[in-house]
Amino acid sequence: MDAEMKFFIYLLEHYAEHKKTSADIVLAQWDAAGVTDTIYRMYPQYHVEAIENAFDDIDALLTEAANGAC
């Protein structure tokens, strides 16, 4: 498993914990919003900053998707 996938799983699990839900529910939400690939591709940025910054960015991506911006 490559570093990007390991980090993606780490991010997914910690985001789910942050939202007080499960990783499978979060992944389903990301997939439904069409942001999963975007989040995965953000590895270069997300892995070097505070994870809370990634959470904020993901929340913004989900809001944009809900508003039809993605």
PDB file of N, CA and C in Angstrom:
ATOM      1  N   MET A   1       0.849  -1.170   0.000  1.00  0.00           N
ATOM      2  CA  MET A   1       0.000   0.000   0.000  1.00  0.00           C
ATOM      3  C   MET A   1       0.901   1.241   0.000  1.00  0.00           C
ATOM      4  N   ASP A   2       0.589   2.190  -0.882  1.00  0.00           N
ATOM      5  CA  ASP A   2       1.423   3.378  -0.980  1.00  0.00           C
ATOM      6  C   ASP A   2       1.104   4.400   0.122  1.00  0.00           C
ATOM      7  N   ALA A   3       1.972   5.380   0.267  1.00  0.00           N
ATOM      8  CA  ALA A   3       1.837   6.381   1.321  1.00  0.00           C
ATOM      9  C   ALA A   3       0.542   7.171   1.192  1.00  0.00           C
ATOM     10  N   GLU A   4       0.143   7.453  -0.053  1.00  0.00           N
ATOM     11  CA  GLU A   4      -1.085   8.216  -0.268  1.00  0.00           C
ATOM     12  C   GLU A   4      -2.301   7.463   0.263  1.00  0.00           C
ATOM     13  N   MET A   5      -2.367   6.170  -0.017  1.00  0.00           N
ATOM     14  CA  MET A   5      -3.505   5.370   0.443  1.00  0.00           C
ATOM     15  C   MET A   5      -3.494   5.233   1.961  1.00  0.00           C
ATOM     16  N   LYS A   6      -2.324   5.019   2.548  1.00  0.00           N
ATOM     17  CA  LYS A   6      -2.235   4.928   4.006  1.00  0.00           C
ATOM     18  C   LYS A   6      -2.731   6.218   4.646  1.00  0.00           C
ATOM     19  N   PHE A   7      -2.313   7.353   4.097  1.00  0.00           N
ATOM     20  CA  PHE A   7      -2.751   8.624   4.662  1.00  0.00           C
ATOM     21  C   PHE A   7      -4.246   8.841   4.431  1.00  0.00           C
ATOM     22  N   PHE A   8      -4.746   8.463   3.263  1.00  0.00           N
ATOM     23  CA  PHE A   8      -6.171   8.615   2.977  1.00  0.00           C
ATOM     24  C   PHE A   8      -7.003   7.848   4.003  1.00  0.00           C
ATOM     25  N   ILE A   9      -6.597   6.633   4.310  1.00  0.00           N
ATOM     26  CA  ILE A   9      -7.311   5.833   5.308  1.00  0.00           C
ATOM     27  C   ILE A   9      -7.221   6.492   6.680  1.00  0.00           C
ATOM     28  N   TYR A  10      -6.038   6.967   7.033  1.00  0.00           N
ATOM     29  CA  TYR A  10      -5.853   7.687   8.300  1.00  0.00           C
ATOM     30  C   TYR A  10      -6.774   8.900   8.366  1.00  0.00           C
ATOM     31  N   LEU A  11      -6.799   9.686   7.286  1.00  0.00           N
ATOM     32  CA  LEU A  11      -7.625  10.888   7.234  1.00  0.00           C
ATOM     33  C   LEU A  11      -9.102  10.516   7.327  1.00  0.00           C
ATOM     34  N   LEU A  12      -9.517   9.533   6.590  1.00  0.00           N
ATOM     35  CA  LEU A  12     -10.908   9.077   6.604  1.00  0.00           C
ATOM     36  C   LEU A  12     -11.333   8.668   8.011  1.00  0.00           C
ATOM     37  N   GLU A  13     -10.520   7.852   8.663  1.00  0.00           N
ATOM     38  CA  GLU A  13     -10.866   7.369  10.002  1.00  0.00           C
ATOM     39  C   GLU A  13     -10.906   8.511  11.015  1.00  0.00           C
ATOM     40  N   HIS A  14      -9.965   9.434  10.929  1.00  0.00           N
ATOM     41  CA  HIS A  14      -9.939  10.535  11.882  1.00  0.00           C
ATOM     42  C   HIS A  14     -11.033  11.570  11.602  1.00  0.00           C
ATOM     43  N   TYR A  15     -11.358  11.771  10.344  1.00  0.00           N
ATOM     44  CA  TYR A  15     -12.467  12.659  10.004  1.00  0.00           C
ATOM     45  C   TYR A  15     -13.775  12.061  10.543  1.00  0.00           C
ATOM     46  N   ALA A  16     -13.956  10.766  10.380  1.00  0.00           N
ATOM     47  CA  ALA A  16     -15.153  10.097  10.895  1.00  0.00           C
ATOM     48  C   ALA A  16     -15.239  10.239  12.410  1.00  0.00           C
ATOM     49  N   GLU A  17     -14.121  10.044  13.080  1.00  0.00           N
ATOM     50  CA  GLU A  17     -14.093  10.208  14.539  1.00  0.00           C
ATOM     51  C   GLU A  17     -14.442  11.644  14.913  1.00  0.00           C
ATOM     52  N   HIS A  18     -13.890  12.602  14.188  1.00  0.00           N
ATOM     53  CA  HIS A  18     -14.158  14.024  14.416  1.00  0.00           C
ATOM     54  C   HIS A  18     -15.652  14.333  14.265  1.00  0.00           C
ATOM     55  N   LYS A  19     -16.294  13.664  13.309  1.00  0.00           N
ATOM     56  CA  LYS A  19     -17.718  13.878  13.036  1.00  0.00           C
ATOM     57  C   LYS A  19     -18.609  12.947  13.859  1.00  0.00           C
ATOM     58  N   LYS A  20     -17.986  12.117  14.690  1.00  0.00           N
ATOM     59  CA  LYS A  20     -18.696  11.172  15.549  1.00  0.00           C
ATOM     60  C   LYS A  20     -19.589  10.218  14.743  1.00  0.00           C
ATOM     61  N   THR A  21     -18.986   9.650  13.728  1.00  0.00           N
ATOM     62  CA  THR A  21     -19.664   8.686  12.876  1.00  0.00           C
ATOM     63  C   THR A  21     -18.656   7.613  12.462  1.00  0.00           C
ATOM     64  N   SER A  22     -19.012   6.807  11.497  1.00  0.00           N
ATOM     65  CA  SER A  22     -18.102   5.739  11.070  1.00  0.00           C
ATOM     66  C   SER A  22     -17.469   6.069   9.728  1.00  0.00           C
ATOM     67  N   ALA A  23     -16.350   5.436   9.461  1.00  0.00           N
ATOM     68  CA  ALA A  23     -15.614   5.675   8.219  1.00  0.00           C
ATOM     69  C   ALA A  23     -16.428   5.261   6.998  1.00  0.00           C
ATOM     70  N   ASP A  24     -17.201   4.194   7.111  1.00  0.00           N
ATOM     71  CA  ASP A  24     -17.992   3.777   5.950  1.00  0.00           C
ATOM     72  C   ASP A  24     -19.076   4.789   5.605  1.00  0.00           C
ATOM     73  N   ILE A  25     -19.658   5.424   6.602  1.00  0.00           N
ATOM     74  CA  ILE A  25     -20.657   6.466   6.355  1.00  0.00           C
ATOM     75  C   ILE A  25     -19.997   7.689   5.729  1.00  0.00           C
ATOM     76  N   VAL A  26     -18.838   8.075   6.255  1.00  0.00           N
ATOM     77  CA  VAL A  26     -18.124   9.226   5.695  1.00  0.00           C
ATOM     78  C   VAL A  26     -17.732   8.968   4.248  1.00  0.00           C
ATOM     79  N   LEU A  27     -17.193   7.790   3.969  1.00  0.00           N
ATOM     80  CA  LEU A  27     -16.794   7.482   2.602  1.00  0.00           C
ATOM     81  C   LEU A  27     -17.995   7.512   1.661  1.00  0.00           C
ATOM     82  N   ALA A  28     -19.121   7.017   2.114  1.00  0.00           N
ATOM     83  CA  ALA A  28     -20.340   7.066   1.301  1.00  0.00           C
ATOM     84  C   ALA A  28     -20.754   8.517   1.035  1.00  0.00           C
ATOM     85  N   GLN A  29     -20.615   9.379   2.047  1.00  0.00           N
ATOM     86  CA  GLN A  29     -20.937  10.805   1.868  1.00  0.00           C
ATOM     87  C   GLN A  29     -19.986  11.446   0.872  1.00  0.00           C
ATOM     88  N   TRP A  30     -18.703  11.158   1.005  1.00  0.00           N
ATOM     89  CA  TRP A  30     -17.713  11.723   0.089  1.00  0.00           C
ATOM     90  C   TRP A  30     -17.984  11.247  -1.335  1.00  0.00           C
ATOM     91  N   ASP A  31     -18.282   9.960  -1.485  1.00  0.00           N
ATOM     92  CA  ASP A  31     -18.571   9.418  -2.811  1.00  0.00           C
ATOM     93  C   ASP A  31     -19.815  10.076  -3.402  1.00  0.00           C
ATOM     94  N   ALA A  32     -20.872  10.202  -2.600  1.00  0.00           N
ATOM     95  CA  ALA A  32     -22.121  10.801  -3.079  1.00  0.00           C
ATOM     96  C   ALA A  32     -21.916  12.257  -3.497  1.00  0.00           C
ATOM     97  N   ALA A  33     -21.030  12.960  -2.782  1.00  0.00           N
ATOM     98  CA  ALA A  33     -20.751  14.362  -3.100  1.00  0.00           C
ATOM     99  C   ALA A  33     -19.748  14.502  -4.244  1.00  0.00           C
ATOM    100  N   GLY A  34     -19.107  13.402  -4.614  1.00  0.00           N
ATOM    101  CA  GLY A  34     -18.130  13.429  -5.702  1.00  0.00           C
ATOM    102  C   GLY A  34     -16.804  14.063  -5.325  1.00  0.00           C
ATOM    103  N   VAL A  35     -16.440  13.985  -4.039  1.00  0.00           N
ATOM    104  CA  VAL A  35     -15.201  14.634  -3.587  1.00  0.00           C
ATOM    105  C   VAL A  35     -14.107  13.658  -3.164  1.00  0.00           C
ATOM    106  N   THR A  36     -14.372  12.372  -3.217  1.00  0.00           N
ATOM    107  CA  THR A  36     -13.402  11.387  -2.739  1.00  0.00           C
ATOM    108  C   THR A  36     -12.068  11.492  -3.480  1.00  0.00           C
ATOM    109  N   ASP A  37     -12.109  11.543  -4.793  1.00  0.00           N
ATOM    110  CA  ASP A  37     -10.866  11.629  -5.568  1.00  0.00           C
ATOM    111  C   ASP A  37     -10.118  12.927  -5.283  1.00  0.00           C
ATOM    112  N   THR A  38     -10.853  14.011  -5.137  1.00  0.00           N
ATOM    113  CA  THR A  38     -10.230  15.302  -4.811  1.00  0.00           C
ATOM    114  C   THR A  38      -9.499  15.213  -3.478  1.00  0.00           C
ATOM    115  N   ILE A  39     -10.155  14.644  -2.488  1.00  0.00           N
ATOM    116  CA  ILE A  39      -9.547  14.495  -1.165  1.00  0.00           C
ATOM    117  C   ILE A  39      -8.300  13.619  -1.260  1.00  0.00           C
ATOM    118  N   TYR A  40      -8.386  12.511  -1.977  1.00  0.00           N
ATOM    119  CA  TYR A  40      -7.243  11.612  -2.140  1.00  0.00           C
ATOM    120  C   TYR A  40      -6.066  12.339  -2.791  1.00  0.00           C
ATOM    121  N   ARG A  41      -6.354  13.134  -3.808  1.00  0.00           N
ATOM    122  CA  ARG A  41      -5.295  13.852  -4.529  1.00  0.00           C
ATOM    123  C   ARG A  41      -4.687  15.005  -3.714  1.00  0.00           C
ATOM    124  N   MET A  42      -5.300  15.367  -2.603  1.00  0.00           N
ATOM    125  CA  MET A  42      -4.784  16.456  -1.768  1.00  0.00           C
ATOM    126  C   MET A  42      -3.696  15.985  -0.804  1.00  0.00           C
ATOM    127  N   TYR A  43      -3.272  14.739  -0.925  1.00  0.00           N
ATOM    128  CA  TYR A  43      -2.226  14.184  -0.053  1.00  0.00           C
ATOM    129  C   TYR A  43      -1.029  15.108   0.107  1.00  0.00           C
ATOM    130  N   PRO A  44      -0.462  15.674  -0.978  1.00  0.00           N
ATOM    131  CA  PRO A  44       0.733  16.509  -0.797  1.00  0.00           C
ATOM    132  C   PRO A  44       0.518  17.675   0.169  1.00  0.00           C
ATOM    133  N   GLN A  45      -0.665  18.222   0.172  1.00  0.00           N
ATOM    134  CA  GLN A  45      -0.969  19.336   1.076  1.00  0.00           C
ATOM    135  C   GLN A  45      -1.387  18.838   2.459  1.00  0.00           C
ATOM    136  N   TYR A  46      -2.314  17.892   2.490  1.00  0.00           N
ATOM    137  CA  TYR A  46      -2.897  17.470   3.763  1.00  0.00           C
ATOM    138  C   TYR A  46      -1.904  16.804   4.702  1.00  0.00           C
ATOM    139  N   HIS A  47      -0.962  16.056   4.195  1.00  0.00           N
ATOM    140  CA  HIS A  47      -0.093  15.297   5.099  1.00  0.00           C
ATOM    141  C   HIS A  47       0.964  16.163   5.778  1.00  0.00           C
ATOM    142  N   VAL A  48       1.111  17.418   5.354  1.00  0.00           N
ATOM    143  CA  VAL A  48       2.120  18.283   5.967  1.00  0.00           C
ATOM    144  C   VAL A  48       1.517  19.380   6.849  1.00  0.00           C
ATOM    145  N   GLU A  49       0.206  19.406   6.964  1.00  0.00           N
ATOM    146  CA  GLU A  49      -0.429  20.436   7.783  1.00  0.00           C
ATOM    147  C   GLU A  49      -1.225  19.784   8.900  1.00  0.00           C
ATOM    148  N   ALA A  50      -1.735  20.600   9.792  1.00  0.00           N
ATOM    149  CA  ALA A  50      -2.562  20.082  10.882  1.00  0.00           C
ATOM    150  C   ALA A  50      -3.793  19.408  10.295  1.00  0.00           C
ATOM    151  N   ILE A  51      -4.138  18.259  10.837  1.00  0.00           N
ATOM    152  CA  ILE A  51      -5.256  17.501  10.294  1.00  0.00           C
ATOM    153  C   ILE A  51      -6.559  18.293  10.369  1.00  0.00           C
ATOM    154  N   GLU A  52      -6.676  19.182  11.342  1.00  0.00           N
ATOM    155  CA  GLU A  52      -7.873  20.007  11.456  1.00  0.00           C
ATOM    156  C   GLU A  52      -8.051  20.910  10.232  1.00  0.00           C
ATOM    157  N   ASN A  53      -6.948  21.319   9.624  1.00  0.00           N
ATOM    158  CA  ASN A  53      -7.028  22.108   8.389  1.00  0.00           C
ATOM    159  C   ASN A  53      -7.638  21.273   7.263  1.00  0.00           C
ATOM    160  N   ALA A  54      -7.264  20.012   7.199  1.00  0.00           N
ATOM    161  CA  ALA A  54      -7.843  19.117   6.200  1.00  0.00           C
ATOM    162  C   ALA A  54      -9.343  18.950   6.470  1.00  0.00           C
ATOM    163  N   PHE A  55      -9.724  18.803   7.739  1.00  0.00           N
ATOM    164  CA  PHE A  55     -11.134  18.674   8.087  1.00  0.00           C
ATOM    165  C   PHE A  55     -11.911  19.898   7.596  1.00  0.00           C
ATOM    166  N   ASP A  56     -11.363  21.086   7.840  1.00  0.00           N
ATOM    167  CA  ASP A  56     -12.024  22.323   7.400  1.00  0.00           C
ATOM    168  C   ASP A  56     -12.160  22.359   5.884  1.00  0.00           C
ATOM    169  N   ASP A  57     -11.114  21.942   5.202  1.00  0.00           N
ATOM    170  CA  ASP A  57     -11.143  21.924   3.742  1.00  0.00           C
ATOM    171  C   ASP A  57     -12.177  20.921   3.229  1.00  0.00           C
ATOM    172  N   ILE A  58     -12.231  19.765   3.835  1.00  0.00           N
ATOM    173  CA  ILE A  58     -13.195  18.745   3.437  1.00  0.00           C
ATOM    174  C   ILE A  58     -14.614  19.256   3.669  1.00  0.00           C
ATOM    175  N   ASP A  59     -14.847  19.892   4.794  1.00  0.00           N
ATOM    176  CA  ASP A  59     -16.166  20.472   5.064  1.00  0.00           C
ATOM    177  C   ASP A  59     -16.537  21.489   3.983  1.00  0.00           C
ATOM    178  N   ALA A  60     -15.565  22.299   3.563  1.00  0.00           N
ATOM    179  CA  ALA A  60     -15.815  23.285   2.509  1.00  0.00           C
ATOM    180  C   ALA A  60     -16.117  22.595   1.183  1.00  0.00           C
ATOM    181  N   LEU A  61     -15.397  21.524   0.860  1.00  0.00           N
ATOM    182  CA  LEU A  61     -15.663  20.763  -0.360  1.00  0.00           C
ATOM    183  C   LEU A  61     -17.081  20.184  -0.348  1.00  0.00           C
ATOM    184  N   LEU A  62     -17.486  19.669   0.798  1.00  0.00           N
ATOM    185  CA  LEU A  62     -18.831  19.089   0.904  1.00  0.00           C
ATOM    186  C   LEU A  62     -19.902  20.164   0.777  1.00  0.00           C
ATOM    187  N   THR A  63     -19.642  21.338   1.341  1.00  0.00           N
ATOM    188  CA  THR A  63     -20.593  22.440   1.224  1.00  0.00           C
ATOM    189  C   THR A  63     -20.710  22.884  -0.233  1.00  0.00           C
ATOM    190  N   GLU A  64     -19.560  23.015  -0.906  1.00  0.00           N
ATOM    191  CA  GLU A  64     -19.572  23.390  -2.323  1.00  0.00           C
ATOM    192  C   GLU A  64     -20.331  22.360  -3.155  1.00  0.00           C
ATOM    193  N   ALA A  65     -20.103  21.095  -2.869  1.00  0.00           N
ATOM    194  CA  ALA A  65     -20.788  20.033  -3.620  1.00  0.00           C
ATOM    195  C   ALA A  65     -22.295  20.101  -3.377  1.00  0.00           C
ATOM    196  N   ALA A  66     -22.686  20.361  -2.140  1.00  0.00           N
ATOM    197  CA  ALA A  66     -24.112  20.451  -1.810  1.00  0.00           C
ATOM    198  C   ALA A  66     -24.772  21.634  -2.508  1.00  0.00           C
ATOM    199  N   ASN A  67     -23.976  22.681  -2.747  1.00  0.00           N
ATOM    200  CA  ASN A  67     -24.481  23.878  -3.417  1.00  0.00           C
ATOM    201  C   ASN A  67     -24.316  23.823  -4.926  1.00  0.00           C
ATOM    202  N   GLY A  68     -23.842  22.676  -5.414  1.00  0.00           N
ATOM    203  CA  GLY A  68     -23.692  22.486  -6.849  1.00  0.00           C
ATOM    204  C   GLY A  68     -22.457  23.111  -7.453  1.00  0.00           C
ATOM    205  N   ALA A  69     -21.473  23.469  -6.626  1.00  0.00           N
ATOM    206  CA  ALA A  69     -20.258  24.119  -7.123  1.00  0.00           C
ATOM    207  C   ALA A  69     -19.209  23.132  -7.606  1.00  0.00           C
ATOM    208  N   CYS A  70     -19.327  21.861  -7.258  1.00  0.00           N
ATOM    209  CA  CYS A  70     -18.327  20.870  -7.682  1.00  0.00           C
ATOM    210  C   CYS A  70     -18.749  20.184  -8.945  1.00  0.00           C
TER     211      CYS A  70
END
